[in-house]
N, C-alpha and C. Protein backbone atom coordinates (compact mmCIF):
# COMPACT_ATOMS: atom_id res chain seq x y z
N MET A 1 -11.15 232.34 218.28
CA MET A 1 -12.30 232.93 218.73
C MET A 1 -13.30 233.06 217.86
N PRO A 2 -14.65 232.62 217.76
CA PRO A 2 -15.36 232.26 216.74
C PRO A 2 -15.86 233.64 216.13
N ILE A 3 -16.86 233.55 214.97
CA ILE A 3 -17.44 235.17 214.82
C ILE A 3 -18.54 234.96 215.18
N ASN A 4 -19.03 236.23 215.74
CA ASN A 4 -20.32 236.18 216.35
C ASN A 4 -21.01 237.47 216.08
N GLU A 5 -20.58 238.13 214.83
CA GLU A 5 -20.92 239.19 214.30
C GLU A 5 -21.45 239.14 212.91
N GLY A 6 -22.47 239.44 212.41
CA GLY A 6 -23.49 239.31 211.01
C GLY A 6 -22.40 240.61 210.02
N ALA A 7 -22.69 239.96 209.07
CA ALA A 7 -22.24 241.42 208.08
C ALA A 7 -22.85 242.73 208.30
N ILE A 8 -23.72 242.84 208.59
CA ILE A 8 -24.25 244.14 208.58
C ILE A 8 -23.49 245.14 210.13
N ASP A 9 -23.97 244.22 211.04
CA ASP A 9 -22.90 244.25 212.22
C ASP A 9 -21.65 244.90 212.32
N ARG A 10 -20.71 243.76 211.25
CA ARG A 10 -19.19 244.38 211.44
C ARG A 10 -19.55 245.56 210.49
N VAL A 11 -19.93 246.06 209.28
CA VAL A 11 -19.75 246.75 208.34
C VAL A 11 -19.98 248.26 209.59
N LEU A 12 -21.40 247.84 209.88
CA LEU A 12 -21.55 249.03 210.87
C LEU A 12 -20.86 249.74 212.29
N ARG A 13 -19.87 248.84 212.57
CA ARG A 13 -19.32 249.10 213.38
C ARG A 13 -17.69 249.25 212.90
N VAL A 14 -17.14 249.28 211.99
CA VAL A 14 -16.14 249.65 211.36
C VAL A 14 -16.73 251.03 210.68
N ILE A 15 -17.72 251.56 210.19
CA ILE A 15 -17.93 252.85 209.94
C ILE A 15 -18.18 253.97 211.07
N LEU A 16 -18.67 253.16 212.11
CA LEU A 16 -18.68 254.03 213.34
C LEU A 16 -17.36 254.21 214.00
N GLY A 17 -16.61 253.13 213.81
CA GLY A 17 -15.13 253.31 214.60
C GLY A 17 -14.73 253.96 213.80
N LEU A 18 -14.58 254.21 212.49
CA LEU A 18 -13.80 255.39 211.85
C LEU A 18 -14.18 256.66 211.68
N ALA A 19 -15.21 256.93 211.66
CA ALA A 19 -15.88 258.08 212.31
C ALA A 19 -15.59 258.61 213.23
N ILE A 20 -15.63 257.93 214.83
CA ILE A 20 -15.26 258.47 216.26
C ILE A 20 -13.89 258.20 216.26
N LEU A 21 -12.91 257.44 215.69
CA LEU A 21 -11.64 257.74 215.26
C LEU A 21 -11.07 258.93 214.43
N SER A 22 -11.82 259.36 213.55
CA SER A 22 -11.45 260.62 213.13
C SER A 22 -11.63 261.71 213.93
N LEU A 23 -12.59 261.58 215.22
CA LEU A 23 -12.46 262.93 215.93
C LEU A 23 -11.19 263.09 216.52
N ALA A 24 -10.39 262.23 216.77
CA ALA A 24 -9.02 262.55 217.06
C ALA A 24 -7.94 263.13 216.63
N PHE A 25 -8.43 263.67 214.97
CA PHE A 25 -7.48 264.43 213.96
C PHE A 25 -8.32 265.62 213.64
N PHE A 26 -9.59 265.42 213.50
CA PHE A 26 -10.49 266.60 212.93
C PHE A 26 -11.43 266.97 214.07
N GLY A 27 -12.06 268.13 214.01
CA GLY A 27 -12.91 268.33 215.19
C GLY A 27 -12.91 268.71 216.26
N PRO A 28 -13.13 268.09 217.25
CA PRO A 28 -12.77 268.52 219.07
C PRO A 28 -11.42 267.84 218.69
N GLN A 29 -10.81 267.23 218.67
CA GLN A 29 -9.49 266.53 218.61
C GLN A 29 -9.50 265.73 219.99
N SER A 30 -10.62 265.38 220.62
CA SER A 30 -10.67 264.79 222.32
C SER A 30 -9.75 263.27 222.07
N PRO A 31 -9.05 263.25 223.16
CA PRO A 31 -8.40 261.99 223.53
C PRO A 31 -9.40 260.85 223.50
N TRP A 32 -10.62 261.01 223.83
CA TRP A 32 -12.05 260.21 223.88
C TRP A 32 -12.14 259.29 222.60
N ALA A 33 -11.83 260.27 221.17
CA ALA A 33 -11.76 259.91 220.32
C ALA A 33 -11.35 258.39 219.93
N TRP A 34 -10.17 257.96 220.68
CA TRP A 34 -9.47 256.57 220.34
C TRP A 34 -10.04 255.72 220.86
N LEU A 35 -11.28 255.58 221.50
CA LEU A 35 -12.01 254.51 221.62
C LEU A 35 -12.95 254.33 220.61
N GLY A 36 -13.02 254.99 219.52
CA GLY A 36 -13.06 254.47 218.56
C GLY A 36 -12.67 253.11 217.56
N LEU A 37 -11.51 252.75 218.44
CA LEU A 37 -10.59 251.47 217.88
C LEU A 37 -11.53 250.66 218.42
N VAL A 38 -12.19 250.32 219.56
CA VAL A 38 -12.51 249.41 219.87
C VAL A 38 -13.88 248.93 218.99
N PRO A 39 -14.97 249.67 218.61
CA PRO A 39 -16.09 248.65 217.21
C PRO A 39 -15.20 248.78 215.97
N LEU A 40 -14.04 249.43 215.63
CA LEU A 40 -13.13 249.21 214.33
C LEU A 40 -12.59 248.10 214.44
N LEU A 41 -11.54 247.67 215.64
CA LEU A 41 -10.98 246.16 215.89
C LEU A 41 -11.78 245.07 215.86
N THR A 42 -13.12 244.96 216.79
CA THR A 42 -14.02 244.19 216.90
C THR A 42 -14.56 244.13 215.34
N GLY A 43 -15.16 245.18 214.71
CA GLY A 43 -15.60 244.92 213.18
C GLY A 43 -14.53 244.16 212.27
N LEU A 44 -13.41 244.81 212.70
CA LEU A 44 -12.89 243.94 211.29
C LEU A 44 -12.45 241.90 211.88
N ALA A 45 -12.29 242.48 213.06
CA ALA A 45 -11.83 240.90 213.65
C ALA A 45 -13.19 239.81 213.79
N GLY A 46 -14.39 240.38 213.63
CA GLY A 46 -15.62 239.74 213.43
C GLY A 46 -16.00 239.04 214.76
N PHE A 47 -15.71 239.46 216.36
CA PHE A 47 -15.90 238.93 217.28
C PHE A 47 -16.00 240.13 218.44
N CYS A 48 -17.00 240.19 219.00
CA CYS A 48 -16.98 241.06 219.82
C CYS A 48 -17.64 240.22 221.48
N PRO A 49 -16.29 240.48 222.29
CA PRO A 49 -16.20 239.89 223.76
C PRO A 49 -17.87 240.13 224.70
N ALA A 50 -18.15 241.15 224.15
CA ALA A 50 -19.79 241.53 225.02
C ALA A 50 -20.36 240.52 224.31
N TYR A 51 -20.73 240.28 223.44
CA TYR A 51 -21.69 239.55 222.55
C TYR A 51 -21.37 237.68 223.60
N ALA A 52 -20.20 237.84 223.14
CA ALA A 52 -19.46 236.06 223.74
C ALA A 52 -20.09 236.32 225.39
N LEU A 53 -19.74 237.39 225.95
CA LEU A 53 -20.37 236.93 227.63
C LEU A 53 -21.98 237.15 227.64
N LEU A 54 -22.52 238.03 226.89
CA LEU A 54 -24.39 238.12 226.91
C LEU A 54 -24.93 236.86 226.23
N GLY A 55 -23.73 236.21 225.32
CA GLY A 55 -24.44 235.22 224.61
C GLY A 55 -25.46 235.20 223.14
N ILE A 56 -25.08 236.66 222.51
CA ILE A 56 -25.51 237.12 220.86
C ILE A 56 -24.55 237.09 219.98
N ARG A 57 -25.75 236.51 219.26
CA ARG A 57 -24.95 236.40 217.92
C ARG A 57 -25.24 237.06 216.71
N THR A 58 -24.88 237.66 216.00
CA THR A 58 -26.00 238.39 214.91
C THR A 58 -25.35 237.34 213.86
N CYS A 59 -24.56 236.34 213.68
CA CYS A 59 -23.85 236.00 212.74
C CYS A 59 -24.80 234.39 212.41
N PRO A 60 -25.25 234.82 210.95
CA PRO A 60 -26.18 233.57 210.60
C PRO A 60 -25.54 232.06 210.53
N ALA A 61 -24.21 232.02 210.18
CA ALA A 61 -23.57 230.83 210.17
C ALA A 61 -23.26 230.01 211.52
N ASN A 62 -23.35 229.30 211.51
CA ASN A 62 -23.02 228.27 212.30
C ASN A 62 -23.75 228.41 213.80
N ARG A 63 -24.86 228.55 213.62
CA ARG A 63 -25.89 228.64 214.76
C ARG A 63 -25.84 227.29 215.51
N GLN A 64 -26.00 227.33 216.86
CA GLN A 64 -25.81 226.44 217.80
C GLN A 64 -27.06 226.42 219.16
């Protein structure tokens, strides 16, 4: 999987993912908070399947 997320995008995804995921343990404790795993994992991996489908790249390296 090629990296298609830039550094700022990845950091924001990890922060947002952790914030949403924390709602599963604190606050309303909704099972929907587990969706926070999606931005967390895509941020850690540096690859977003939706970006790949849409042809979006926020990573400045290896632009083709």
